[in-house]
Amino acid sequence: MNHIVYMSRAVRPLSDQDLQELLAQCRRDNARHNVTGILFYSHGNIAQLIEGDPAVIEPLYEKISRDGRHSNVQQLANKAITERSFPDWSMAFHPIETEGFHTLEGFFLPHQLPATPETLTIADALIVDLVRQAVFGPDAPTTV
């Protein structure tokens, strides 16, 4: 099993509805291929960690990197792992329409993210924390 971590920039701001649709698509497609992970979005910044069989996530990353909804895709990590760190697919983002945010299942505000999984190596935990800070800004909590 491998995980891939990347960052990118949305070509246009994503609305809460866009994010809901993206999460639904991720859940559907990733469940079908046994891919898990976490996706961060804030103010046009995107970061994602995907984990699963290399034969599945390598072509998935290639597809993601060609997706026209974002640009400047940069892979930060691609390595073998012994177990999943994010067994349930989730997404964290700053909501555009805050009044409806709490009705969205599977989304987290930056300060609501769970602690860094102990399954991550120290280096990978640092990458995830740096990614979170790059997406959410320097005041973001650093316990992913």
C-alpha atoms as a PDB file:
ATOM      1  CA  MET A   1       0.000   0.000   0.000  1.00  0.00           C
ATOM      2  CA  ASN A   2       1.171   3.567  -0.742  1.00  0.00           C
ATOM      3  CA  HIS A   3       0.161   7.090   0.027  1.00  0.00           C
ATOM      4  CA  ILE A   4       0.528  10.185  -2.125  1.00  0.00           C
ATOM      5  CA  VAL A   5       0.380  13.745  -0.807  1.00  0.00           C
ATOM      6  CA  TYR A   6      -0.029  16.683  -3.181  1.00  0.00           C
ATOM      7  CA  MET A   7      -0.949  20.366  -3.196  1.00  0.00           C
ATOM      8  CA  SER A   8      -2.569  22.485  -5.907  1.00  0.00           C
ATOM      9  CA  ARG A   9      -4.492  25.676  -6.578  1.00  0.00           C
ATOM     10  CA  ALA A  10      -8.139  25.772  -7.698  1.00  0.00           C
ATOM     11  CA  VAL A  11      -8.595  27.602 -11.008  1.00  0.00           C
ATOM     12  CA  ARG A  12     -11.711  29.247  -9.564  1.00  0.00           C
ATOM     13  CA  PRO A  13     -13.087  29.478  -6.032  1.00  0.00           C
ATOM     14  CA  LEU A  14     -15.197  26.464  -5.084  1.00  0.00           C
ATOM     15  CA  SER A  15     -18.610  27.071  -3.554  1.00  0.00           C
ATOM     16  CA  ASP A  16     -19.976  25.000  -0.688  1.00  0.00           C
ATOM     17  CA  GLN A  17     -22.130  23.195  -3.272  1.00  0.00           C
ATOM     18  CA  ASP A  18     -19.026  22.441  -5.398  1.00  0.00           C
ATOM     19  CA  LEU A  19     -17.316  21.036  -2.299  1.00  0.00           C
ATOM     20  CA  GLN A  20     -20.326  18.891  -1.396  1.00  0.00           C
ATOM     21  CA  GLU A  21     -20.345  17.460  -4.926  1.00  0.00           C
ATOM     22  CA  LEU A  22     -16.592  16.866  -4.808  1.00  0.00           C
ATOM     23  CA  LEU A  23     -16.856  14.997  -1.493  1.00  0.00           C
ATOM     24  CA  ALA A  24     -19.736  12.877  -2.830  1.00  0.00           C
ATOM     25  CA  GLN A  25     -17.699  12.035  -5.951  1.00  0.00           C
ATOM     26  CA  CYS A  26     -14.591  11.212  -3.890  1.00  0.00           C
ATOM     27  CA  ARG A  27     -16.562   8.964  -1.541  1.00  0.00           C
ATOM     28  CA  ARG A  28     -18.270   7.113  -4.389  1.00  0.00           C
ATOM     29  CA  ASP A  29     -15.167   6.628  -6.537  1.00  0.00           C
ATOM     30  CA  ASN A  30     -12.784   5.938  -3.669  1.00  0.00           C
ATOM     31  CA  ALA A  31     -15.078   3.386  -2.018  1.00  0.00           C
ATOM     32  CA  ARG A  32     -15.229   1.537  -5.326  1.00  0.00           C
ATOM     33  CA  HIS A  33     -11.401   1.388  -5.480  1.00  0.00           C
ATOM     34  CA  ASN A  34     -10.635   1.043  -1.744  1.00  0.00           C
ATOM     35  CA  VAL A  35      -8.900   4.440  -1.624  1.00  0.00           C
ATOM     36  CA  THR A  36      -8.939   6.477   1.580  1.00  0.00           C
ATOM     37  CA  GLY A  37      -7.437   9.771   2.654  1.00  0.00           C
ATOM     38  CA  ILE A  38      -8.187  13.372   3.460  1.00  0.00           C
ATOM     39  CA  LEU A  39      -8.657  16.501   1.350  1.00  0.00           C
ATOM     40  CA  PHE A  40      -8.077  20.062   2.577  1.00  0.00           C
ATOM     41  CA  TYR A  41      -9.563  23.116   0.855  1.00  0.00           C
ATOM     42  CA  SER A  42      -9.392  26.780   1.819  1.00  0.00           C
ATOM     43  CA  HIS A  43      -9.505  29.954  -0.253  1.00  0.00           C
ATOM     44  CA  GLY A  44      -8.508  28.189  -3.462  1.00  0.00           C
ATOM     45  CA  ASN A  45      -5.744  26.078  -1.908  1.00  0.00           C
ATOM     46  CA  ILE A  46      -6.126  22.318  -2.203  1.00  0.00           C
ATOM     47  CA  ALA A  47      -4.115  19.557  -0.558  1.00  0.00           C
ATOM     48  CA  GLN A  48      -4.857  15.876  -0.459  1.00  0.00           C
ATOM     49  CA  LEU A  49      -3.447  12.651   0.932  1.00  0.00           C
ATOM     50  CA  ILE A  50      -4.669   9.505  -0.823  1.00  0.00           C
ATOM     51  CA  GLU A  51      -3.803   5.989   0.285  1.00  0.00           C
ATOM     52  CA  GLY A  52      -4.366   2.584  -1.245  1.00  0.00           C
ATOM     53  CA  ASP A  53      -2.980   0.031  -3.679  1.00  0.00           C
ATOM     54  CA  PRO A  54      -0.223   1.635  -5.806  1.00  0.00           C
ATOM     55  CA  ALA A  55      -1.808   0.143  -8.935  1.00  0.00           C
ATOM     56  CA  VAL A  56      -4.901   2.231  -8.121  1.00  0.00           C
ATOM     57  CA  ILE A  57      -3.551   5.450  -6.620  1.00  0.00           C
ATOM     58  CA  GLU A  58      -0.737   6.031  -9.154  1.00  0.00           C
ATOM     59  CA  PRO A  59      -3.186   6.322 -12.096  1.00  0.00           C
ATOM     60  CA  LEU A  60      -5.616   8.188  -9.818  1.00  0.00           C
ATOM     61  CA  TYR A  61      -2.951  10.771  -9.040  1.00  0.00           C
ATOM     62  CA  GLU A  62      -2.156  11.115 -12.756  1.00  0.00           C
ATOM     63  CA  LYS A  63      -5.867  11.707 -13.429  1.00  0.00           C
ATOM     64  CA  ILE A  64      -6.052  14.223 -10.577  1.00  0.00           C
ATOM     65  CA  SER A  65      -2.966  16.066 -11.839  1.00  0.00           C
ATOM     66  CA  ARG A  66      -4.644  16.533 -15.251  1.00  0.00           C
ATOM     67  CA  ASP A  67      -8.004  17.654 -13.791  1.00  0.00           C
ATOM     68  CA  GLY A  68      -8.843  21.118 -15.127  1.00  0.00           C
ATOM     69  CA  ARG A  69     -10.378  22.272 -11.837  1.00  0.00           C
ATOM     70  CA  HIS A  70      -6.939  23.002 -10.411  1.00  0.00           C
ATOM     71  CA  SER A  71      -3.414  23.952 -11.474  1.00  0.00           C
ATOM     72  CA  ASN A  72       0.132  23.899 -10.097  1.00  0.00           C
ATOM     73  CA  VAL A  73      -0.253  20.318  -8.859  1.00  0.00           C
ATOM     74  CA  GLN A  74       2.844  19.409  -6.859  1.00  0.00           C
ATOM     75  CA  GLN A  75       3.452  15.948  -5.437  1.00  0.00           C
ATOM     76  CA  LEU A  76       4.991  16.173  -1.967  1.00  0.00           C
ATOM     77  CA  ALA A  77       5.211  12.493  -1.028  1.00  0.00           C
ATOM     78  CA  ASN A  78       4.714   9.094  -2.637  1.00  0.00           C
ATOM     79  CA  LYS A  79       5.786   6.155  -0.523  1.00  0.00           C
ATOM     80  CA  ALA A  80       4.946   2.737   0.803  1.00  0.00           C
ATOM     81  CA  ILE A  81       2.925   2.510   4.011  1.00  0.00           C
ATOM     82  CA  THR A  82       2.039  -0.472   6.185  1.00  0.00           C
ATOM     83  CA  GLU A  83      -1.426   0.694   7.226  1.00  0.00           C
ATOM     84  CA  ARG A  84      -3.952   3.409   6.477  1.00  0.00           C
ATOM     85  CA  SER A  85      -3.822   6.635   8.442  1.00  0.00           C
ATOM     86  CA  PHE A  86      -7.206   7.925   7.246  1.00  0.00           C
ATOM     87  CA  PRO A  87      -9.520   4.894   7.001  1.00  0.00           C
ATOM     88  CA  ASP A  88     -12.608   7.086   6.545  1.00  0.00           C
ATOM     89  CA  TRP A  89     -12.604   9.549   3.667  1.00  0.00           C
ATOM     90  CA  SER A  90     -12.957  13.132   4.907  1.00  0.00           C
ATOM     91  CA  MET A  91     -12.575  16.699   3.747  1.00  0.00           C
ATOM     92  CA  ALA A  92     -11.695  19.834   5.696  1.00  0.00           C
ATOM     93  CA  PHE A  93     -12.461  23.302   4.429  1.00  0.00           C
ATOM     94  CA  HIS A  94     -13.342  26.866   5.346  1.00  0.00           C
ATOM     95  CA  PRO A  95     -17.058  27.124   4.494  1.00  0.00           C
ATOM     96  CA  ILE A  96     -18.246  29.925   2.272  1.00  0.00           C
ATOM     97  CA  GLU A  97     -21.777  29.790   3.616  1.00  0.00           C
ATOM     98  CA  THR A  98     -21.212  29.242   7.340  1.00  0.00           C
ATOM     99  CA  GLU A  99     -24.879  29.046   8.308  1.00  0.00           C
ATOM    100  CA  GLY A 100     -25.352  25.735   6.487  1.00  0.00           C
ATOM    101  CA  PHE A 101     -21.986  24.219   7.341  1.00  0.00           C
ATOM    102  CA  HIS A 102     -23.037  22.092  10.308  1.00  0.00           C
ATOM    103  CA  THR A 103     -25.524  20.138   8.166  1.00  0.00           C
ATOM    104  CA  LEU A 104     -22.746  18.837   5.904  1.00  0.00           C
ATOM    105  CA  GLU A 105     -21.733  15.304   6.772  1.00  0.00           C
ATOM    106  CA  GLY A 106     -18.056  14.402   6.373  1.00  0.00           C
ATOM    107  CA  PHE A 107     -16.718  17.950   6.406  1.00  0.00           C
ATOM    108  CA  PHE A 108     -14.568  19.481   9.134  1.00  0.00           C
ATOM    109  CA  LEU A 109     -13.622  23.022   9.969  1.00  0.00           C
ATOM    110  CA  PRO A 110      -9.825  23.310  10.305  1.00  0.00           C
ATOM    111  CA  HIS A 111      -9.979  23.414  14.113  1.00  0.00           C
ATOM    112  CA  GLN A 112     -12.178  20.262  14.206  1.00  0.00           C
ATOM    113  CA  LEU A 113      -9.752  17.896  12.500  1.00  0.00           C
ATOM    114  CA  PRO A 114      -8.785  14.789  14.439  1.00  0.00           C
ATOM    115  CA  ALA A 115      -5.307  14.414  15.897  1.00  0.00           C
ATOM    116  CA  THR A 116      -2.466  13.299  13.668  1.00  0.00           C
ATOM    117  CA  PRO A 117      -2.832   9.539  13.206  1.00  0.00           C
ATOM    118  CA  GLU A 118      -0.147   7.562  15.008  1.00  0.00           C
ATOM    119  CA  THR A 119       0.189   5.417  11.886  1.00  0.00           C
ATOM    120  CA  LEU A 120       2.004   8.264  10.099  1.00  0.00           C
ATOM    121  CA  THR A 121       5.767   8.418  10.366  1.00  0.00           C
ATOM    122  CA  ILE A 122       7.217  11.552  11.916  1.00  0.00           C
ATOM    123  CA  ALA A 123       8.235  12.797   8.462  1.00  0.00           C
ATOM    124  CA  ASP A 124       4.761  12.194   7.019  1.00  0.00           C
ATOM    125  CA  ALA A 125       3.072  13.827  10.008  1.00  0.00           C
ATOM    126  CA  LEU A 126       5.257  16.892   9.427  1.00  0.00           C
ATOM    127  CA  ILE A 127       4.294  16.941   5.738  1.00  0.00           C
ATOM    128  CA  VAL A 128       0.603  16.764   6.614  1.00  0.00           C
ATOM    129  CA  ASP A 129       1.005  19.546   9.185  1.00  0.00           C
ATOM    130  CA  LEU A 130       2.906  21.710   6.679  1.00  0.00           C
ATOM    131  CA  VAL A 131       0.227  21.055   4.063  1.00  0.00           C
ATOM    132  CA  ARG A 132      -2.486  22.057   6.510  1.00  0.00           C
ATOM    133  CA  GLN A 133      -0.640  25.283   7.311  1.00  0.00           C
ATOM    134  CA  ALA A 134      -0.123  26.021   3.615  1.00  0.00           C
ATOM    135  CA  VAL A 135      -3.831  25.541   2.935  1.00  0.00           C
ATOM    136  CA  PHE A 136      -5.356  27.111   6.060  1.00  0.00           C
ATOM    137  CA  GLY A 137      -2.678  29.657   6.922  1.00  0.00           C
ATOM    138  CA  PRO A 138      -0.167  30.084   9.723  1.00  0.00           C
ATOM    139  CA  ASP A 139      -2.840  30.276  12.453  1.00  0.00           C
ATOM    140  CA  ALA A 140      -4.231  26.815  11.635  1.00  0.00           C
ATOM    141  CA  PRO A 141      -4.016  24.232  14.416  1.00  0.00           C
ATOM    142  CA  THR A 142      -1.220  21.757  13.652  1.00  0.00           C
ATOM    143  CA  THR A 143      -2.688  18.540  15.014  1.00  0.00           C
ATOM    144  CA  VAL A 144      -4.092  16.779  11.955  1.00  0.00           C
END
